[in-house]
Amino acid sequence: MEYTKINNMSKTELVEELKLLNNEYKAFRESARSILAHQNFEKVASELFALCKKVTGATSGYVALLSSDGSENEVLFLDSGGLKCTVDENLPMPIRGLRETAYRSLKGVFDKG
């Protein structure tokens, strides 16, 4: 965070920002623990996904791997968040939308809706 932004924040805003940063730090720490504790990639991915959901407030999402030719995602698992899901995980998932943005920018992205 920029120093000038911090300077212009109220005490309440600073406290909220510190809470957010603390939650993110805890999620990073738990992520590292999960990676070190498990040999199973799917288990680690599932735990990391749960931590990301907690930090971002997401209710649904999925984890996928890029296909060997780089043209589409291969779904590892999908969490509908308890909502009815009509997505067929076995259908091709071309790289577009948020996925394209993530791959192009090499950063995580999410849509708060």
PDB file of N, CA and C in Angstrom:
ATOM      1  N   MET A   1       0.836  -1.173   0.000  1.00  0.00           N
ATOM      2  CA  MET A   1       0.000   0.000   0.000  1.00  0.00           C
ATOM      3  C   MET A   1       0.884   1.239   0.000  1.00  0.00           C
ATOM      4  N   GLU A   2       0.447   2.252  -0.688  1.00  0.00           N
ATOM      5  CA  GLU A   2       1.227   3.480  -0.789  1.00  0.00           C
ATOM      6  C   GLU A   2       1.191   4.267   0.519  1.00  0.00           C
ATOM      7  N   TYR A   3       2.310   4.868   0.852  1.00  0.00           N
ATOM      8  CA  TYR A   3       2.422   5.669   2.067  1.00  0.00           C
ATOM      9  C   TYR A   3       1.424   6.815   2.052  1.00  0.00           C
ATOM     10  N   THR A   4       1.241   7.477   0.908  1.00  0.00           N
ATOM     11  CA  THR A   4       0.322   8.617   0.828  1.00  0.00           C
ATOM     12  C   THR A   4      -1.119   8.183   1.085  1.00  0.00           C
ATOM     13  N   LYS A   5      -1.467   6.990   0.648  1.00  0.00           N
ATOM     14  CA  LYS A   5      -2.815   6.485   0.896  1.00  0.00           C
ATOM     15  C   LYS A   5      -3.015   6.248   2.385  1.00  0.00           C
ATOM     16  N   ILE A   6      -2.019   5.676   3.043  1.00  0.00           N
ATOM     17  CA  ILE A   6      -2.102   5.421   4.482  1.00  0.00           C
ATOM     18  C   ILE A   6      -2.247   6.741   5.239  1.00  0.00           C
ATOM     19  N   ASN A   7      -1.509   7.748   4.825  1.00  0.00           N
ATOM     20  CA  ASN A   7      -1.551   9.059   5.464  1.00  0.00           C
ATOM     21  C   ASN A   7      -2.944   9.676   5.428  1.00  0.00           C
ATOM     22  N   ASN A   8      -3.714   9.364   4.398  1.00  0.00           N
ATOM     23  CA  ASN A   8      -5.025   9.979   4.218  1.00  0.00           C
ATOM     24  C   ASN A   8      -6.173   9.133   4.772  1.00  0.00           C
ATOM     25  N   MET A   9      -5.843   8.020   5.402  1.00  0.00           N
ATOM     26  CA  MET A   9      -6.882   7.137   5.929  1.00  0.00           C
ATOM     27  C   MET A   9      -7.238   7.506   7.364  1.00  0.00           C
ATOM     28  N   SER A  10      -8.516   7.327   7.697  1.00  0.00           N
ATOM     29  CA  SER A  10      -8.956   7.545   9.073  1.00  0.00           C
ATOM     30  C   SER A  10      -8.498   6.372   9.930  1.00  0.00           C
ATOM     31  N   LYS A  11      -8.614   6.522  11.222  1.00  0.00           N
ATOM     32  CA  LYS A  11      -8.231   5.454  12.143  1.00  0.00           C
ATOM     33  C   LYS A  11      -9.077   4.208  11.877  1.00  0.00           C
ATOM     34  N   THR A  12     -10.355   4.381  11.645  1.00  0.00           N
ATOM     35  CA  THR A  12     -11.245   3.252  11.358  1.00  0.00           C
ATOM     36  C   THR A  12     -10.832   2.556  10.076  1.00  0.00           C
ATOM     37  N   GLU A  13     -10.508   3.318   9.043  1.00  0.00           N
ATOM     38  CA  GLU A  13     -10.063   2.733   7.775  1.00  0.00           C
ATOM     39  C   GLU A  13      -8.754   1.965   7.957  1.00  0.00           C
ATOM     40  N   LEU A  14      -7.842   2.518   8.757  1.00  0.00           N
ATOM     41  CA  LEU A  14      -6.570   1.838   9.014  1.00  0.00           C
ATOM     42  C   LEU A  14      -6.778   0.521   9.753  1.00  0.00           C
ATOM     43  N   VAL A  15      -7.678   0.523  10.728  1.00  0.00           N
ATOM     44  CA  VAL A  15      -7.972  -0.704  11.464  1.00  0.00           C
ATOM     45  C   VAL A  15      -8.549  -1.752  10.521  1.00  0.00           C
ATOM     46  N   GLU A  16      -9.474  -1.364   9.651  1.00  0.00           N
ATOM     47  CA  GLU A  16     -10.068  -2.304   8.694  1.00  0.00           C
ATOM     48  C   GLU A  16      -9.020  -2.832   7.716  1.00  0.00           C
ATOM     49  N   GLU A  17      -8.133  -1.965   7.267  1.00  0.00           N
ATOM     50  CA  GLU A  17      -7.067  -2.381   6.363  1.00  0.00           C
ATOM     51  C   GLU A  17      -6.130  -3.368   7.044  1.00  0.00           C
ATOM     52  N   LEU A  18      -5.802  -3.117   8.294  1.00  0.00           N
ATOM     53  CA  LEU A  18      -4.947  -4.037   9.047  1.00  0.00           C
ATOM     54  C   LEU A  18      -5.626  -5.382   9.256  1.00  0.00           C
ATOM     55  N   LYS A  19      -6.929  -5.388   9.496  1.00  0.00           N
ATOM     56  CA  LYS A  19      -7.666  -6.648   9.627  1.00  0.00           C
ATOM     57  C   LYS A  19      -7.603  -7.434   8.323  1.00  0.00           C
ATOM     58  N   LEU A  20      -7.809  -6.757   7.212  1.00  0.00           N
ATOM     59  CA  LEU A  20      -7.750  -7.407   5.907  1.00  0.00           C
ATOM     60  C   LEU A  20      -6.356  -7.985   5.656  1.00  0.00           C
ATOM     61  N   LEU A  21      -5.323  -7.191   5.907  1.00  0.00           N
ATOM     62  CA  LEU A  21      -3.956  -7.663   5.709  1.00  0.00           C
ATOM     63  C   LEU A  21      -3.628  -8.830   6.625  1.00  0.00           C
ATOM     64  N   ASN A  22      -4.111  -8.792   7.858  1.00  0.00           N
ATOM     65  CA  ASN A  22      -3.881  -9.892   8.790  1.00  0.00           C
ATOM     66  C   ASN A  22      -4.552 -11.169   8.302  1.00  0.00           C
ATOM     67  N   ASN A  23      -5.780 -11.067   7.786  1.00  0.00           N
ATOM     68  CA  ASN A  23      -6.468 -12.239   7.238  1.00  0.00           C
ATOM     69  C   ASN A  23      -5.720 -12.806   6.036  1.00  0.00           C
ATOM     70  N   GLU A  24      -5.199 -11.925   5.178  1.00  0.00           N
ATOM     71  CA  GLU A  24      -4.429 -12.387   4.026  1.00  0.00           C
ATOM     72  C   GLU A  24      -3.138 -13.071   4.480  1.00  0.00           C
ATOM     73  N   TYR A  25      -2.474 -12.495   5.464  1.00  0.00           N
ATOM     74  CA  TYR A  25      -1.249 -13.096   5.995  1.00  0.00           C
ATOM     75  C   TYR A  25      -1.541 -14.487   6.561  1.00  0.00           C
ATOM     76  N   LYS A  26      -2.616 -14.616   7.326  1.00  0.00           N
ATOM     77  CA  LYS A  26      -2.984 -15.922   7.887  1.00  0.00           C
ATOM     78  C   LYS A  26      -3.235 -16.937   6.773  1.00  0.00           C
ATOM     79  N   ALA A  27      -3.914 -16.502   5.710  1.00  0.00           N
ATOM     80  CA  ALA A  27      -4.195 -17.409   4.593  1.00  0.00           C
ATOM     81  C   ALA A  27      -2.892 -17.835   3.912  1.00  0.00           C
ATOM     82  N   PHE A  28      -1.953 -16.922   3.732  1.00  0.00           N
ATOM     83  CA  PHE A  28      -0.661 -17.279   3.142  1.00  0.00           C
ATOM     84  C   PHE A  28       0.069 -18.288   4.026  1.00  0.00           C
ATOM     85  N   ARG A  29       0.042 -18.053   5.331  1.00  0.00           N
ATOM     86  CA  ARG A  29       0.706 -18.956   6.269  1.00  0.00           C
ATOM     87  C   ARG A  29       0.067 -20.342   6.226  1.00  0.00           C
ATOM     88  N   GLU A  30      -1.259 -20.385   6.229  1.00  0.00           N
ATOM     89  CA  GLU A  30      -1.964 -21.666   6.150  1.00  0.00           C
ATOM     90  C   GLU A  30      -1.709 -22.353   4.810  1.00  0.00           C
ATOM     91  N   SER A  31      -1.587 -21.564   3.751  1.00  0.00           N
ATOM     92  CA  SER A  31      -1.278 -22.123   2.431  1.00  0.00           C
ATOM     93  C   SER A  31       0.080 -22.816   2.447  1.00  0.00           C
ATOM     94  N   ALA A  32       1.053 -22.153   3.023  1.00  0.00           N
ATOM     95  CA  ALA A  32       2.389 -22.745   3.109  1.00  0.00           C
ATOM     96  C   ALA A  32       2.360 -24.035   3.929  1.00  0.00           C
ATOM     97  N   ARG A  33       1.626 -24.029   5.027  1.00  0.00           N
ATOM     98  CA  ARG A  33       1.506 -25.240   5.848  1.00  0.00           C
ATOM     99  C   ARG A  33       0.893 -26.381   5.046  1.00  0.00           C
ATOM    100  N   SER A  34      -0.151 -26.071   4.283  1.00  0.00           N
ATOM    101  CA  SER A  34      -0.828 -27.092   3.492  1.00  0.00           C
ATOM    102  C   SER A  34       0.116 -27.682   2.450  1.00  0.00           C
ATOM    103  N   ILE A  35       0.853 -26.823   1.781  1.00  0.00           N
ATOM    104  CA  ILE A  35       1.792 -27.276   0.750  1.00  0.00           C
ATOM    105  C   ILE A  35       2.853 -28.191   1.357  1.00  0.00           C
ATOM    106  N   LEU A  36       3.354 -27.832   2.525  1.00  0.00           N
ATOM    107  CA  LEU A  36       4.385 -28.630   3.168  1.00  0.00           C
ATOM    108  C   LEU A  36       3.844 -29.925   3.778  1.00  0.00           C
ATOM    109  N   ALA A  37       2.565 -29.930   4.138  1.00  0.00           N
ATOM    110  CA  ALA A  37       1.995 -31.086   4.839  1.00  0.00           C
ATOM    111  C   ALA A  37       1.503 -32.191   3.917  1.00  0.00           C
ATOM    112  N   HIS A  38       1.179 -31.868   2.676  1.00  0.00           N
ATOM    113  CA  HIS A  38       0.552 -32.855   1.803  1.00  0.00           C
ATOM    114  C   HIS A  38       1.409 -33.170   0.581  1.00  0.00           C
ATOM    115  N   GLN A  39       1.403 -34.426   0.202  1.00  0.00           N
ATOM    116  CA  GLN A  39       2.069 -34.858  -1.023  1.00  0.00           C
ATOM    117  C   GLN A  39       1.092 -34.907  -2.189  1.00  0.00           C
ATOM    118  N   ASN A  40      -0.203 -34.882  -1.895  1.00  0.00           N
ATOM    119  CA  ASN A  40      -1.241 -35.012  -2.901  1.00  0.00           C
ATOM    120  C   ASN A  40      -1.619 -33.638  -3.451  1.00  0.00           C
ATOM    121  N   PHE A  41      -1.392 -33.431  -4.758  1.00  0.00           N
ATOM    122  CA  PHE A  41      -1.649 -32.132  -5.377  1.00  0.00           C
ATOM    123  C   PHE A  41      -3.110 -31.719  -5.254  1.00  0.00           C
ATOM    124  N   GLU A  42      -4.034 -32.663  -5.482  1.00  0.00           N
ATOM    125  CA  GLU A  42      -5.454 -32.335  -5.431  1.00  0.00           C
ATOM    126  C   GLU A  42      -5.865 -31.869  -4.033  1.00  0.00           C
ATOM    127  N   LYS A  43      -5.313 -32.506  -2.998  1.00  0.00           N
ATOM    128  CA  LYS A  43      -5.613 -32.117  -1.615  1.00  0.00           C
ATOM    129  C   LYS A  43      -5.099 -30.705  -1.342  1.00  0.00           C
ATOM    130  N   VAL A  44      -3.880 -30.420  -1.753  1.00  0.00           N
ATOM    131  CA  VAL A  44      -3.310 -29.083  -1.554  1.00  0.00           C
ATOM    132  C   VAL A  44      -4.128 -28.046  -2.319  1.00  0.00           C
ATOM    133  N   ALA A  45      -4.471 -28.339  -3.569  1.00  0.00           N
ATOM    134  CA  ALA A  45      -5.253 -27.401  -4.381  1.00  0.00           C
ATOM    135  C   ALA A  45      -6.593 -27.109  -3.733  1.00  0.00           C
ATOM    136  N   SER A  46      -7.222 -28.141  -3.190  1.00  0.00           N
ATOM    137  CA  SER A  46      -8.514 -27.970  -2.526  1.00  0.00           C
ATOM    138  C   SER A  46      -8.389 -27.064  -1.297  1.00  0.00           C
ATOM    139  N   GLU A  47      -7.370 -27.290  -0.494  1.00  0.00           N
ATOM    140  CA  GLU A  47      -7.161 -26.468   0.694  1.00  0.00           C
ATOM    141  C   GLU A  47      -6.806 -25.026   0.330  1.00  0.00           C
ATOM    142  N   LEU A  48      -5.980 -24.844  -0.690  1.00  0.00           N
ATOM    143  CA  LEU A  48      -5.637 -23.493  -1.129  1.00  0.00           C
ATOM    144  C   LEU A  48      -6.869 -22.766  -1.655  1.00  0.00           C
ATOM    145  N   PHE A  49      -7.699 -23.498  -2.390  1.00  0.00           N
ATOM    146  CA  PHE A  49      -8.926 -22.916  -2.906  1.00  0.00           C
ATOM    147  C   PHE A  49      -9.833 -22.460  -1.761  1.00  0.00           C
ATOM    148  N   ALA A  50      -9.978 -23.284  -0.724  1.00  0.00           N
ATOM    149  CA  ALA A  50     -10.808 -22.929   0.426  1.00  0.00           C
ATOM    150  C   ALA A  50     -10.278 -21.667   1.112  1.00  0.00           C
ATOM    151  N   LEU A  51      -8.952 -21.559   1.236  1.00  0.00           N
ATOM    152  CA  LEU A  51      -8.363 -20.361   1.837  1.00  0.00           C
ATOM    153  C   LEU A  51      -8.606 -19.125   0.961  1.00  0.00           C
ATOM    154  N   CYS A  52      -8.493 -19.288  -0.345  1.00  0.00           N
ATOM    155  CA  CYS A  52      -8.751 -18.163  -1.269  1.00  0.00           C
ATOM    156  C   CYS A  52     -10.204 -17.714  -1.180  1.00  0.00           C
ATOM    157  N   LYS A  53     -11.126 -18.680  -1.092  1.00  0.00           N
ATOM    158  CA  LYS A  53     -12.544 -18.342  -0.945  1.00  0.00           C
ATOM    159  C   LYS A  53     -12.765 -17.525   0.323  1.00  0.00           C
ATOM    160  N   LYS A  54     -12.096 -17.938   1.396  1.00  0.00           N
ATOM    161  CA  LYS A  54     -12.252 -17.245   2.671  1.00  0.00           C
ATOM    162  C   LYS A  54     -11.759 -15.801   2.580  1.00  0.00           C
ATOM    163  N   VAL A  55     -10.597 -15.610   1.967  1.00  0.00           N
ATOM    164  CA  VAL A  55     -10.005 -14.271   1.874  1.00  0.00           C
ATOM    165  C   VAL A  55     -10.803 -13.369   0.930  1.00  0.00           C
ATOM    166  N   THR A  56     -11.259 -13.917  -0.188  1.00  0.00           N
ATOM    167  CA  THR A  56     -11.965 -13.092  -1.186  1.00  0.00           C
ATOM    168  C   THR A  56     -13.453 -12.989  -0.930  1.00  0.00           C
ATOM    169  N   GLY A  57     -13.994 -13.893  -0.100  1.00  0.00           N
ATOM    170  CA  GLY A  57     -15.434 -13.887   0.126  1.00  0.00           C
ATOM    171  C   GLY A  57     -16.207 -14.595  -0.970  1.00  0.00           C
ATOM    172  N   ALA A  58     -15.513 -15.318  -1.831  1.00  0.00           N
ATOM    173  CA  ALA A  58     -16.172 -16.027  -2.929  1.00  0.00           C
ATOM    174  C   ALA A  58     -17.040 -17.153  -2.379  1.00  0.00           C
ATOM    175  N   THR A  59     -18.102 -17.462  -3.096  1.00  0.00           N
ATOM    176  CA  THR A  59     -18.978 -18.561  -2.686  1.00  0.00           C
ATOM    177  C   THR A  59     -18.833 -19.768  -3.595  1.00  0.00           C
ATOM    178  N   SER A  60     -18.234 -19.583  -4.746  1.00  0.00           N
ATOM    179  CA  SER A  60     -18.070 -20.690  -5.680  1.00  0.00           C
ATOM    180  C   SER A  60     -16.836 -20.459  -6.529  1.00  0.00           C
ATOM    181  N   GLY A  61     -16.441 -21.488  -7.254  1.00  0.00           N
ATOM    182  CA  GLY A  61     -15.292 -21.371  -8.144  1.00  0.00           C
ATOM    183  C   GLY A  61     -14.771 -22.747  -8.498  1.00  0.00           C
ATOM    184  N   TYR A  62     -13.614 -22.790  -9.098  1.00  0.00           N
ATOM    185  CA  TYR A  62     -13.030 -24.065  -9.480  1.00  0.00           C
ATOM    186  C   TYR A  62     -11.518 -23.944  -9.569  1.00  0.00           C
ATOM    187  N   VAL A  63     -10.871 -25.087  -9.575  1.00  0.00           N
ATOM    188  CA  VAL A  63      -9.432 -25.157  -9.804  1.00  0.00           C
ATOM    189  C   VAL A  63      -9.248 -25.993 -11.057  1.00  0.00           C
ATOM    190  N   ALA A  64      -8.450 -25.480 -11.968  1.00  0.00           N
ATOM    191  CA  ALA A  64      -8.198 -26.185 -13.217  1.00  0.00           C
ATOM    192  C   ALA A  64      -6.728 -26.061 -13.577  1.00  0.00           C
ATOM    193  N   LEU A  65      -6.281 -26.994 -14.380  1.00  0.00           N
ATOM    194  CA  LEU A  65      -4.916 -26.979 -14.896  1.00  0.00           C
ATOM    195  C   LEU A  65      -4.970 -26.664 -16.384  1.00  0.00           C
ATOM    196  N   LEU A  66      -3.980 -25.982 -16.870  1.00  0.00           N
ATOM    197  CA  LEU A  66      -3.886 -25.676 -18.286  1.00  0.00           C
ATOM    198  C   LEU A  66      -3.534 -26.953 -19.049  1.00  0.00           C
ATOM    199  N   SER A  67      -4.253 -27.194 -20.129  1.00  0.00           N
ATOM    200  CA  SER A  67      -3.973 -28.390 -20.936  1.00  0.00           C
ATOM    201  C   SER A  67      -2.560 -28.327 -21.496  1.00  0.00           C
ATOM    202  N   SER A  68      -2.035 -29.471 -21.904  1.00  0.00           N
ATOM    203  CA  SER A  68      -0.657 -29.532 -22.381  1.00  0.00           C
ATOM    204  C   SER A  68      -0.419 -28.647 -23.597  1.00  0.00           C
ATOM    205  N   ASP A  69      -1.443 -28.440 -24.431  1.00  0.00           N
ATOM    206  CA  ASP A  69      -1.262 -27.564 -25.595  1.00  0.00           C
ATOM    207  C   ASP A  69      -1.583 -26.099 -25.283  1.00  0.00           C
ATOM    208  N   GLY A  70      -2.023 -25.806 -24.041  1.00  0.00           N
ATOM    209  CA  GLY A  70      -2.270 -24.435 -23.619  1.00  0.00           C
ATOM    210  C   GLY A  70      -3.553 -23.819 -24.136  1.00  0.00           C
ATOM    211  N   SER A  71      -4.433 -24.620 -24.708  1.00  0.00           N
ATOM    212  CA  SER A  71      -5.627 -24.050 -25.323  1.00  0.00           C
ATOM    213  C   SER A  71      -6.861 -24.046 -24.428  1.00  0.00           C
ATOM    214  N   GLU A  72      -6.857 -24.887 -23.373  1.00  0.00           N
ATOM    215  CA  GLU A  72      -8.036 -24.949 -22.523  1.00  0.00           C
ATOM    216  C   GLU A  72      -7.683 -25.410 -21.115  1.00  0.00           C
ATOM    217  N   ASN A  73      -8.648 -25.217 -20.211  1.00  0.00           N
ATOM    218  CA  ASN A  73      -8.497 -25.661 -18.831  1.00  0.00           C
ATOM    219  C   ASN A  73      -9.032 -27.071 -18.671  1.00  0.00           C
ATOM    220  N   GLU A  74      -8.356 -27.839 -17.850  1.00  0.00           N
ATOM    221  CA  GLU A  74      -8.838 -29.152 -17.467  1.00  0.00           C
ATOM    222  C   GLU A  74      -9.208 -29.064 -15.992  1.00  0.00           C
ATOM    223  N   VAL A  75     -10.511 -29.133 -15.693  1.00  0.00           N
ATOM    224  CA  VAL A  75     -11.016 -28.917 -14.343  1.00  0.00           C
ATOM    225  C   VAL A  75     -10.505 -29.992 -13.392  1.00  0.00           C
ATOM    226  N   LEU A  76      -9.930 -29.542 -12.288  1.00  0.00           N
ATOM    227  CA  LEU A  76      -9.482 -30.438 -11.234  1.00  0.00           C
ATOM    228  C   LEU A  76     -10.648 -30.701 -10.276  1.00  0.00           C
ATOM    229  N   PHE A  77     -11.301 -29.625  -9.852  1.00  0.00           N
ATOM    230  CA  PHE A  77     -12.541 -29.748  -9.103  1.00  0.00           C
ATOM    231  C   PHE A  77     -13.317 -28.446  -9.207  1.00  0.00           C
ATOM    232  N   LEU A  78     -14.628 -28.551  -9.011  1.00  0.00           N
ATOM    233  CA  LEU A  78     -15.522 -27.410  -9.127  1.00  0.00           C
ATOM    234  C   LEU A  78     -16.377 -27.340  -7.876  1.00  0.00           C
ATOM    235  N   ASP A  79     -16.465 -26.148  -7.268  1.00  0.00           N
ATOM    236  CA  ASP A  79     -17.278 -25.926  -6.074  1.00  0.00           C
ATOM    237  C   ASP A  79     -18.379 -24.948  -6.444  1.00  0.00           C
ATOM    238  N   SER A  80     -19.621 -25.431  -6.507  1.00  0.00           N
ATOM    239  CA  SER A  80     -20.737 -24.580  -6.916  1.00  0.00           C
ATOM    240  C   SER A  80     -21.257 -23.716  -5.774  1.00  0.00           C
ATOM    241  N   GLY A  81     -20.693 -23.867  -4.596  1.00  0.00           N
ATOM    242  CA  GLY A  81     -21.127 -23.062  -3.459  1.00  0.00           C
ATOM    243  C   GLY A  81     -22.541 -23.386  -3.019  1.00  0.00           C
ATOM    244  N   GLY A  82     -22.972 -24.606  -3.279  1.00  0.00           N
ATOM    245  CA  GLY A  82     -24.320 -25.018  -2.895  1.00  0.00           C
ATOM    246  C   GLY A  82     -25.398 -24.613  -3.886  1.00  0.00           C
ATOM    247  N   LEU A  83     -24.984 -23.946  -4.952  1.00  0.00           N
ATOM    248  CA  LEU A  83     -25.938 -23.540  -5.983  1.00  0.00           C
ATOM    249  C   LEU A  83     -26.023 -24.611  -7.056  1.00  0.00           C
ATOM    250  N   LYS A  84     -27.150 -24.647  -7.755  1.00  0.00           N
ATOM    251  CA  LYS A  84     -27.283 -25.584  -8.861  1.00  0.00           C
ATOM    252  C   LYS A  84     -26.268 -25.216  -9.935  1.00  0.00           C
ATOM    253  N   CYS A  85     -25.490 -26.183 -10.356  1.00  0.00           N
ATOM    254  CA  CYS A  85     -24.458 -25.934 -11.362  1.00  0.00           C
ATOM    255  C   CYS A  85     -24.792 -26.701 -12.629  1.00  0.00           C
ATOM    256  N   THR A  86     -24.860 -25.978 -13.734  1.00  0.00           N
ATOM    257  CA  THR A  86     -25.187 -26.613 -15.013  1.00  0.00           C
ATOM    258  C   THR A  86     -23.965 -26.788 -15.891  1.00  0.00           C
ATOM    259  N   VAL A  87     -22.785 -26.483 -15.348  1.00  0.00           N
ATOM    260  CA  VAL A  87     -21.552 -26.610 -16.120  1.00  0.00           C
ATOM    261  C   VAL A  87     -21.132 -28.081 -16.157  1.00  0.00           C
ATOM    262  N   ASP A  88     -20.897 -28.587 -17.340  1.00  0.00           N
ATOM    263  CA  ASP A  88     -20.389 -29.947 -17.494  1.00  0.00           C
ATOM    264  C   ASP A  88     -18.870 -29.872 -17.455  1.00  0.00           C
ATOM    265  N   GLU A  89     -18.292 -30.368 -16.378  1.00  0.00           N
ATOM    266  CA  GLU A  89     -16.840 -30.306 -16.188  1.00  0.00           C
ATOM    267  C   GLU A  89     -16.068 -31.028 -17.283  1.00  0.00           C
ATOM    268  N   ASN A  90     -16.723 -31.931 -17.983  1.00  0.00           N
ATOM    269  CA  ASN A  90     -16.044 -32.708 -19.011  1.00  0.00           C
ATOM    270  C   ASN A  90     -15.988 -32.004 -20.361  1.00  0.00           C
ATOM    271  N   LEU A  91     -16.719 -30.900 -20.514  1.00  0.00           N
ATOM    272  CA  LEU A  91     -16.668 -30.152 -21.770  1.00  0.00           C
ATOM    273  C   LEU A  91     -15.412 -29.291 -21.804  1.00  0.00           C
ATOM    274  N   PRO A  92     -14.892 -28.996 -22.997  1.00  0.00           N
ATOM    275  CA  PRO A  92     -13.714 -28.125 -23.105  1.00  0.00           C
ATOM    276  C   PRO A  92     -13.988 -26.748 -22.497  1.00  0.00           C
ATOM    277  N   MET A  93     -12.989 -26.191 -21.840  1.00  0.00           N
ATOM    278  CA  MET A  93     -13.099 -24.850 -21.266  1.00  0.00           C
ATOM    279  C   MET A  93     -12.024 -23.974 -21.906  1.00  0.00           C
ATOM    280  N   PRO A  94     -12.370 -23.342 -23.041  1.00  0.00           N
ATOM    281  CA  PRO A  94     -11.373 -22.499 -23.729  1.00  0.00           C
ATOM    282  C   PRO A  94     -10.869 -21.379 -22.817  1.00  0.00           C
ATOM    283  N   ILE A  95      -9.665 -20.936 -23.082  1.00  0.00           N
ATOM    284  CA  ILE A  95      -9.052 -19.870 -22.297  1.00  0.00           C
ATOM    285  C   ILE A  95      -9.604 -18.533 -22.784  1.00  0.00           C
ATOM    286  N   ARG A  96     -10.484 -17.933 -21.958  1.00  0.00           N
ATOM    287  CA  ARG A  96     -11.066 -16.628 -22.264  1.00  0.00           C
ATOM    288  C   ARG A  96     -11.566 -16.022 -20.963  1.00  0.00           C
ATOM    289  N   GLY A  97     -12.026 -14.789 -20.992  1.00  0.00           N
ATOM    290  CA  GLY A  97     -12.574 -14.125 -19.808  1.00  0.00           C
ATOM    291  C   GLY A  97     -11.542 -13.960 -18.711  1.00  0.00           C
ATOM    292  N   LEU A  98     -11.959 -14.258 -17.468  1.00  0.00           N
ATOM    293  CA  LEU A  98     -11.058 -14.115 -16.324  1.00  0.00           C
ATOM    294  C   LEU A  98      -9.844 -15.019 -16.430  1.00  0.00           C
ATOM    295  N   ARG A  99     -10.050 -16.211 -16.986  1.00  0.00           N
ATOM    296  CA  ARG A  99      -8.912 -17.133 -17.150  1.00  0.00           C
ATOM    297  C   ARG A  99      -7.861 -16.508 -18.055  1.00  0.00           C
ATOM    298  N   GLU A 100      -8.303 -15.935 -19.159  1.00  0.00           N
ATOM    299  CA  GLU A 100      -7.360 -15.308 -20.084  1.00  0.00           C
ATOM    300  C   GLU A 100      -6.618 -14.173 -19.386  1.00  0.00           C
ATOM    301  N   THR A 101      -7.337 -13.373 -18.611  1.00  0.00           N
ATOM    302  CA  THR A 101      -6.716 -12.263 -17.885  1.00  0.00           C
ATOM    303  C   THR A 101      -5.664 -12.783 -16.909  1.00  0.00           C
ATOM    304  N   ALA A 102      -5.991 -13.854 -16.183  1.00  0.00           N
ATOM    305  CA  ALA A 102      -5.038 -14.423 -15.223  1.00  0.00           C
ATOM    306  C   ALA A 102      -3.795 -14.944 -15.922  1.00  0.00           C
ATOM    307  N   TYR A 103      -3.973 -15.678 -17.005  1.00  0.00           N
ATOM    308  CA  TYR A 103      -2.820 -16.229 -17.720  1.00  0.00           C
ATOM    309  C   TYR A 103      -1.971 -15.134 -18.349  1.00  0.00           C
ATOM    310  N   ARG A 104      -2.630 -14.122 -18.895  1.00  0.00           N
ATOM    311  CA  ARG A 104      -1.904 -13.032 -19.553  1.00  0.00           C
ATOM    312  C   ARG A 104      -1.140 -12.187 -18.539  1.00  0.00           C
ATOM    313  N   SER A 105      -1.771 -11.886 -17.388  1.00  0.00           N
ATOM    314  CA  SER A 105      -1.154 -11.007 -16.394  1.00  0.00           C
ATOM    315  C   SER A 105      -0.265 -11.746 -15.398  1.00  0.00           C
ATOM    316  N   LEU A 106      -0.390 -13.085 -15.371  1.00  0.00           N
ATOM    317  CA  LEU A 106       0.334 -13.917 -14.409  1.00  0.00           C
ATOM    318  C   LEU A 106      -0.018 -13.542 -12.969  1.00  0.00           C
ATOM    319  N   LYS A 107      -1.286 -13.109 -12.764  1.00  0.00           N
ATOM    320  CA  LYS A 107      -1.777 -12.748 -11.439  1.00  0.00           C
ATOM    321  C   LYS A 107      -3.150 -13.375 -11.240  1.00  0.00           C
ATOM    322  N   GLY A 108      -3.486 -13.614  -9.978  1.00  0.00           N
ATOM    323  CA  GLY A 108      -4.814 -14.122  -9.672  1.00  0.00           C
ATOM    324  C   GLY A 108      -5.859 -13.048  -9.921  1.00  0.00           C
ATOM    325  N   VAL A 109      -7.006 -13.453 -10.399  1.00  0.00           N
ATOM    326  CA  VAL A 109      -8.108 -12.523 -10.631  1.00  0.00           C
ATOM    327  C   VAL A 109      -9.400 -13.142 -10.100  1.00  0.00           C
ATOM    328  N   PHE A 110     -10.333 -12.291  -9.717  1.00  0.00           N
ATOM    329  CA  PHE A 110     -11.654 -12.762  -9.326  1.00  0.00           C
ATOM    330  C   PHE A 110     -12.657 -11.662  -9.572  1.00  0.00           C
ATOM    331  N   ASP A 111     -13.897 -12.046  -9.708  1.00  0.00           N
ATOM    332  CA  ASP A 111     -14.990 -11.127  -9.976  1.00  0.00           C
ATOM    333  C   ASP A 111     -15.876 -11.094  -8.745  1.00  0.00           C
ATOM    334  N   LYS A 112     -15.967  -9.935  -8.103  1.00  0.00           N
ATOM    335  CA  LYS A 112     -16.779  -9.831  -6.891  1.00  0.00           C
ATOM    336  C   LYS A 112     -18.262  -9.816  -7.195  1.00  0.00           C
ATOM    337  N   GLY A 113     -18.606  -9.718  -8.476  1.00  0.00           N
ATOM    338  CA  GLY A 113     -20.019  -9.787  -8.870  1.00  0.00           C
ATOM    339  C   GLY A 113     -20.733  -8.626  -8.388  1.00  0.00           C
TER     340      GLY A 113
END
